[in-house]
Amino acid sequence: MQRFAAAFLICFQKCCGVFIDSPDIPVLAKCDFSHCAPMLTIPIGMTAELDADAQTIRMVQ
């Protein structure tokens, strides 16, 4: 897993030119959506609200 994380961080830094290293920024990980069962459909361009304290994600119209 660390090998993939390192590859992602290198790619992210190379693509965007920034490396975010802050515990104050929530990250959504280990979620089953898209091509997994059960399939959760998230429309492209949909705004979402991520509450790290409550550990919830809410789709906003």
Protein backbone atom coordinates (compact mmCIF):
# COMPACT_ATOMS: atom_id res chain seq x y z
CA MET A 1 0.00 0.00 0.00
CA GLN A 2 2.82 2.44 0.79
CA ARG A 3 4.20 1.87 -2.70
CA PHE A 4 0.91 3.05 -4.23
CA ALA A 5 0.66 5.98 -1.81
CA ALA A 6 4.15 7.09 -2.76
CA ALA A 7 3.33 6.78 -6.45
CA PHE A 8 0.17 8.85 -5.94
CA LEU A 9 1.98 11.56 -3.97
CA ILE A 10 4.71 11.81 -6.58
CA CYS A 11 2.11 12.05 -9.35
CA PHE A 12 0.07 14.62 -7.41
CA GLN A 13 3.12 16.76 -6.72
CA LYS A 14 4.28 16.50 -10.31
CA CYS A 15 0.84 17.26 -11.80
CA CYS A 16 -0.24 20.05 -9.51
CA GLY A 17 3.07 21.41 -8.27
CA VAL A 18 1.95 21.27 -4.66
CA PHE A 19 2.22 18.76 -1.84
CA ILE A 20 -0.37 19.09 0.90
CA ASP A 21 0.94 17.88 4.23
CA SER A 22 -1.65 19.02 6.74
CA PRO A 23 -3.76 16.99 9.16
CA ASP A 24 -6.47 19.68 8.92
CA ILE A 25 -7.48 18.68 5.39
CA PRO A 26 -9.97 15.77 5.30
CA VAL A 27 -9.41 12.97 2.80
CA LEU A 28 -12.07 10.56 1.58
CA ALA A 29 -10.57 7.07 1.25
CA LYS A 30 -11.51 3.38 1.18
CA CYS A 31 -15.00 4.05 -0.21
CA ASP A 32 -16.86 1.67 -2.50
CA PHE A 33 -18.32 3.58 -5.42
CA SER A 34 -18.26 3.54 -9.20
CA HIS A 35 -17.52 -0.04 -10.34
CA CYS A 36 -18.02 -1.75 -6.96
CA ALA A 37 -21.03 -3.44 -5.39
CA PRO A 38 -23.09 -1.86 -3.99
CA MET A 39 -22.72 0.79 -6.68
CA LEU A 40 -23.03 4.40 -5.51
CA THR A 41 -23.55 6.82 -8.37
CA ILE A 42 -22.06 10.28 -7.90
CA PRO A 43 -22.93 12.62 -10.79
CA ILE A 44 -19.99 14.44 -12.40
CA GLY A 45 -19.92 18.03 -11.20
CA MET A 46 -22.05 17.32 -8.12
CA THR A 47 -21.09 19.42 -5.11
CA ALA A 48 -20.55 17.44 -1.92
CA GLU A 49 -20.09 18.40 1.71
CA LEU A 50 -17.55 16.33 3.65
CA ASP A 51 -17.77 16.54 7.46
CA ALA A 52 -14.65 14.89 8.88
CA ASP A 53 -15.79 15.28 12.49
CA ALA A 54 -19.14 13.56 11.86
CA GLN A 55 -17.56 11.22 9.27
CA THR A 56 -20.32 11.97 6.76
CA ILE A 57 -20.56 13.02 3.13
CA ARG A 58 -23.64 14.80 1.80
CA MET A 59 -24.53 15.60 -1.80
CA VAL A 60 -25.56 19.24 -2.22
CA GLN A 61 -27.83 20.45 -5.04
